[in-house]
Amino acid sequence: MSNLLLLPIKFFLIGLDFLIMLITFGWWNTLKKILSRQPLRSVPVDKEESHRVHSLYKGKLLATPFEEVSTVFELAQRSFNLYPDAKCMGTRQFLGQLDPKVKKFGDIRWRTYSQVGVAANSFGAALRGAGLVPSSKEASLEKLTTSCSLAIFENTCEEWMIAALGAFSQSIIVTTIYSTLGMDAVVDAVKDGAVRAILCNKRNVEVLLTKATGMPSLKTIIYTNDLIAGRDDFNSKKYSWNPSNFL
């Protein structure tokens, strides 16, 4: 009996949902595209199917976003100069793991564009001090023979981005290794790319050292404290190298 009483409400809600769909579908824009023979979806750029753009922007693409910008680092540097005091990167303070599935976080700590720029430039200079050199100006499929690669084996965090920008500032290649792939993927990436330095989480330093003999090109390990609370116990004295925190 109760189901019969609820049946009118059910039909009313279905009809209301259909009416809202009709109103919000965007008929006018769709009709304009059909009448003007514009493609309803994205179109290829310069007949290259792998590069697509919204049909309204076809023919309006710029070679560079700004006249003085031709690389990712130059784009970031432009922001460092234009917005030095504006908020750039915000990270919530990690206070610890409440249980295997729940993390506890505190307040957000912000870096300004100027602070991120200084950190990135300092990191890039430190990479050069560690023996890394700029990569070739022309890309090729030849195996790398110079120490021009930094591997990043870390979750997405502010140190990840600062390290990448720092490498870009010195024309150093960045090899990203997903943290979910495991240590075998790290060893393969380091060997194939003749990687000289790696950025990783502090928790992974010890296991990296156990694999060091299989990565002869690797000379420098730089670690982050991402998602490591102050009370986490890591005895750095047992490590056989002198860590430097460039960030």
Protein backbone atom coordinates (compact mmCIF):
# COMPACT_ATOMS: atom_id res chain seq x y z
CA MET A 1 0.00 0.00 0.00
CA SER A 2 2.81 2.39 0.90
CA ASN A 3 4.47 1.75 -2.48
CA LEU A 4 1.29 2.81 -4.28
CA LEU A 5 1.12 6.02 -2.28
CA LEU A 6 4.70 6.87 -3.22
CA LEU A 7 4.17 6.14 -6.92
CA PRO A 8 2.89 9.67 -7.82
CA ILE A 9 5.90 11.21 -6.06
CA LYS A 10 8.20 8.91 -8.04
CA PHE A 11 6.66 9.95 -11.38
CA PHE A 12 6.77 13.60 -10.34
CA LEU A 13 10.50 13.41 -9.55
CA ILE A 14 11.21 11.62 -12.84
CA GLY A 15 9.31 14.28 -14.77
CA LEU A 16 11.06 17.08 -12.86
CA ASP A 17 14.45 15.53 -13.64
CA PHE A 18 13.55 15.30 -17.34
CA LEU A 19 12.35 18.92 -17.37
CA ILE A 20 15.59 20.15 -15.77
CA MET A 21 17.58 18.18 -18.36
CA LEU A 22 15.64 19.83 -21.19
CA ILE A 23 16.20 23.31 -19.75
CA THR A 24 19.92 22.90 -18.99
CA PHE A 25 20.97 20.85 -22.01
CA GLY A 26 22.19 23.85 -23.99
CA TRP A 27 19.90 23.58 -26.97
CA TRP A 28 20.62 27.08 -28.22
CA ASN A 29 24.39 26.58 -28.53
CA THR A 30 23.86 23.17 -30.09
CA LEU A 31 21.44 24.56 -32.68
CA LYS A 32 23.85 27.40 -33.50
CA LYS A 33 26.63 24.88 -34.16
CA ILE A 34 24.40 22.72 -36.31
CA LEU A 35 23.10 25.68 -38.36
CA SER A 36 26.60 27.13 -38.79
CA ARG A 37 28.00 23.65 -39.57
CA GLN A 38 30.51 23.91 -36.72
CA PRO A 39 31.84 20.60 -35.34
CA LEU A 40 30.09 19.65 -32.11
CA ARG A 41 33.30 18.34 -30.54
CA SER A 42 37.03 19.02 -30.69
CA VAL A 43 38.85 19.26 -34.00
CA PRO A 44 42.42 18.25 -34.92
CA VAL A 45 45.18 20.86 -34.95
CA ASP A 46 46.96 21.08 -38.32
CA LYS A 47 45.35 17.77 -39.35
CA GLU A 48 47.16 16.02 -36.48
CA GLU A 49 44.57 13.76 -34.84
CA SER A 50 46.58 13.35 -31.63
CA HIS A 51 46.43 17.15 -31.02
CA ARG A 52 42.89 18.40 -30.70
CA VAL A 53 41.26 21.68 -29.67
CA HIS A 54 37.77 23.11 -29.19
CA SER A 55 36.35 24.15 -32.55
CA LEU A 56 35.94 27.79 -31.43
CA TYR A 57 39.72 28.07 -30.94
CA LYS A 58 40.69 26.58 -34.28
CA GLY A 59 43.03 28.99 -36.03
CA LYS A 60 43.42 31.16 -32.91
CA LEU A 61 46.26 29.24 -31.24
CA LEU A 62 49.39 31.17 -30.29
CA ALA A 63 52.93 29.89 -30.75
CA THR A 64 53.71 30.88 -27.13
CA PRO A 65 51.46 32.12 -24.28
CA PHE A 66 53.48 35.34 -23.97
CA GLU A 67 56.04 37.00 -26.21
CA GLU A 68 59.00 36.38 -23.89
CA VAL A 69 57.95 32.85 -22.90
CA SER A 70 59.02 29.75 -24.83
CA THR A 71 59.60 27.16 -22.06
CA VAL A 72 57.76 25.93 -18.97
CA PHE A 73 60.41 27.44 -16.70
CA GLU A 74 60.18 30.83 -18.42
CA LEU A 75 56.42 30.76 -17.82
CA ALA A 76 57.00 30.03 -14.12
CA GLN A 77 59.72 32.69 -13.93
CA ARG A 78 57.33 35.24 -15.38
CA SER A 79 54.92 34.54 -12.51
CA PHE A 80 57.75 34.72 -9.94
CA ASN A 81 58.54 38.23 -11.19
CA LEU A 82 54.98 39.50 -11.66
CA TYR A 83 53.38 38.14 -8.48
CA PRO A 84 56.20 37.88 -5.90
CA ASP A 85 53.98 38.33 -2.83
CA ALA A 86 50.97 36.32 -4.01
CA LYS A 87 50.25 32.83 -2.69
CA CYS A 88 51.72 30.17 -4.94
CA MET A 89 51.88 26.80 -3.13
CA GLY A 90 49.90 25.72 -0.10
CA THR A 91 50.63 22.55 1.89
CA ARG A 92 48.69 21.28 4.87
CA GLN A 93 50.92 20.27 7.76
CA PHE A 94 50.93 16.49 8.22
CA LEU A 95 50.39 15.64 11.89
CA GLY A 96 50.40 11.86 11.69
CA GLN A 97 48.48 8.74 10.77
CA LEU A 98 45.41 8.17 12.94
CA ASP A 99 44.92 4.70 11.48
CA PRO A 100 45.99 2.91 8.25
CA LYS A 101 43.36 4.80 6.23
CA VAL A 102 43.04 8.16 7.99
CA LYS A 103 45.66 10.93 8.05
CA LYS A 104 45.57 13.98 10.32
CA PHE A 105 46.46 17.40 8.92
CA GLY A 106 46.93 20.82 10.46
CA ASP A 107 46.97 24.34 9.06
CA ILE A 108 48.02 25.27 5.51
CA ARG A 109 51.53 26.63 5.11
CA TRP A 110 51.83 28.92 2.10
CA ARG A 111 54.81 29.79 -0.08
CA THR A 112 54.70 32.95 -2.17
CA TYR A 113 55.73 33.02 -5.82
CA SER A 114 58.95 34.71 -4.79
CA GLN A 115 59.73 31.99 -2.22
CA VAL A 116 59.02 29.22 -4.73
CA GLY A 117 61.25 30.96 -7.27
CA VAL A 118 64.13 31.24 -4.81
CA ALA A 119 63.71 27.59 -3.78
CA ALA A 120 63.60 26.40 -7.41
CA ASN A 121 66.68 28.40 -8.42
CA SER A 122 68.56 27.22 -5.31
CA PHE A 123 67.67 23.62 -6.04
CA GLY A 124 68.83 23.97 -9.65
CA ALA A 125 72.13 25.46 -8.50
CA ALA A 126 72.54 22.60 -6.02
CA LEU A 127 72.03 20.06 -8.81
CA ARG A 128 74.85 21.67 -10.78
CA GLY A 129 76.97 21.55 -7.64
CA ALA A 130 76.22 17.83 -7.39
CA GLY A 131 77.68 17.28 -10.85
CA LEU A 132 74.64 17.41 -13.11
CA VAL A 133 75.02 19.22 -16.43
CA PRO A 134 72.57 20.74 -18.94
CA SER A 135 71.14 18.39 -21.50
CA SER A 136 71.70 18.72 -25.23
CA LYS A 137 69.71 21.45 -26.98
CA GLU A 138 68.46 18.90 -29.52
CA ALA A 139 66.46 15.83 -28.52
CA SER A 140 67.39 12.46 -29.99
CA LEU A 141 66.80 8.76 -29.46
CA GLU A 142 70.46 8.15 -28.65
CA LYS A 143 71.28 6.71 -25.22
CA LEU A 144 72.31 9.40 -22.74
CA THR A 145 75.99 9.43 -21.84
CA THR A 146 76.17 12.63 -19.75
CA SER A 147 74.93 13.30 -16.20
CA CYS A 148 72.00 15.47 -17.25
CA SER A 149 69.06 13.64 -15.63
CA LEU A 150 67.23 13.98 -12.31
CA ALA A 151 64.78 11.27 -11.31
CA ILE A 152 61.79 12.17 -9.12
CA PHE A 153 60.40 9.18 -7.21
CA GLU A 154 57.86 10.84 -4.94
CA ASN A 155 54.17 11.56 -4.50
CA THR A 156 52.87 14.86 -5.86
CA CYS A 157 53.90 17.53 -3.35
CA GLU A 158 55.46 21.00 -3.29
CA GLU A 159 58.98 19.53 -3.26
CA TRP A 160 58.12 17.59 -6.42
CA MET A 161 57.23 20.78 -8.30
CA ILE A 162 60.11 22.83 -6.88
CA ALA A 163 62.58 20.11 -7.83
CA ALA A 164 61.19 19.94 -11.38
CA LEU A 165 61.34 23.73 -11.79
CA GLY A 166 64.86 23.75 -10.38
CA ALA A 167 65.96 21.14 -12.92
CA PHE A 168 64.26 23.09 -15.73
CA SER A 169 66.18 26.21 -14.69
CA GLN A 170 69.42 24.40 -15.60
CA SER A 171 68.10 22.51 -18.67
CA ILE A 172 68.35 19.26 -16.73
CA ILE A 173 66.10 16.39 -17.81
CA VAL A 174 63.42 15.27 -15.33
CA THR A 175 62.56 11.57 -15.24
CA THR A 176 59.37 10.96 -13.26
CA ILE A 177 58.81 7.59 -11.62
CA TYR A 178 55.40 6.86 -10.14
CA SER A 179 55.67 5.86 -6.49
CA THR A 180 53.20 3.01 -7.08
CA LEU A 181 55.51 1.24 -9.56
CA GLY A 182 57.91 -0.06 -6.94
CA MET A 183 61.68 -0.17 -6.62
CA ASP A 184 62.34 -2.31 -9.71
CA ALA A 185 60.92 0.49 -11.87
CA VAL A 186 63.27 2.95 -10.14
CA VAL A 187 66.31 0.83 -10.88
CA ASP A 188 65.32 0.43 -14.54
CA ALA A 189 64.65 4.17 -14.98
CA VAL A 190 67.95 5.17 -13.37
CA LYS A 191 69.94 2.71 -15.47
CA ASP A 192 68.21 3.54 -18.77
CA GLY A 193 68.44 7.30 -18.25
CA ALA A 194 71.97 7.39 -16.79
CA VAL A 195 70.38 9.28 -13.87
CA ARG A 196 72.90 10.94 -11.54
CA ALA A 197 70.55 12.25 -8.83
CA ILE A 198 67.20 11.16 -7.45
CA LEU A 199 64.60 12.91 -5.31
CA CYS A 200 62.62 10.55 -3.11
CA ASN A 201 60.73 10.33 0.15
CA LYS A 202 62.77 9.85 3.30
CA ARG A 203 61.07 6.47 3.81
CA ASN A 204 62.62 5.13 0.58
CA VAL A 205 66.24 6.14 1.18
CA GLU A 206 67.34 2.95 2.88
CA VAL A 207 65.92 0.62 0.23
CA LEU A 208 67.50 2.80 -2.48
CA LEU A 209 70.87 2.33 -0.83
CA THR A 210 70.41 -1.44 -0.90
CA LYS A 211 69.88 -1.20 -4.69
CA ALA A 212 72.76 1.23 -5.29
CA THR A 213 75.10 -1.36 -6.83
CA GLY A 214 72.58 -1.90 -9.63
CA MET A 215 72.50 1.84 -10.40
CA PRO A 216 76.15 2.83 -11.05
CA SER A 217 75.23 6.25 -12.50
CA LEU A 218 73.41 7.32 -9.31
CA LYS A 219 75.65 9.55 -7.16
CA THR A 220 73.24 11.74 -5.16
CA ILE A 221 70.08 10.99 -3.16
CA ILE A 222 67.92 13.93 -2.07
CA TYR A 223 65.00 13.19 0.21
CA THR A 224 61.77 14.97 1.20
CA ASN A 225 59.77 14.80 4.42
CA ASP A 226 56.40 14.66 2.68
CA LEU A 227 53.75 12.95 4.86
CA ILE A 228 56.27 12.34 7.64
CA ALA A 229 55.22 13.66 11.05
CA GLY A 230 57.75 15.01 13.52
CA ARG A 231 57.43 11.99 15.77
CA ASP A 232 58.29 9.48 13.02
CA ASP A 233 61.58 7.82 13.88
CA PHE A 234 64.25 7.81 11.19
CA ASN A 235 67.84 7.37 12.29
CA SER A 236 69.83 9.19 9.63
CA LYS A 237 73.13 8.16 11.26
CA LYS A 238 72.83 4.66 9.80
CA TYR A 239 72.84 6.09 6.27
CA SER A 240 76.19 6.18 4.54
CA TRP A 241 75.93 9.62 2.96
CA ASN A 242 75.65 13.18 4.16
CA PRO A 243 72.13 14.43 3.28
CA SER A 244 71.61 18.07 2.34
CA ASN A 245 68.17 19.62 2.42
CA PHE A 246 68.15 22.00 -0.55
CA LEU A 247 64.44 22.74 -0.18
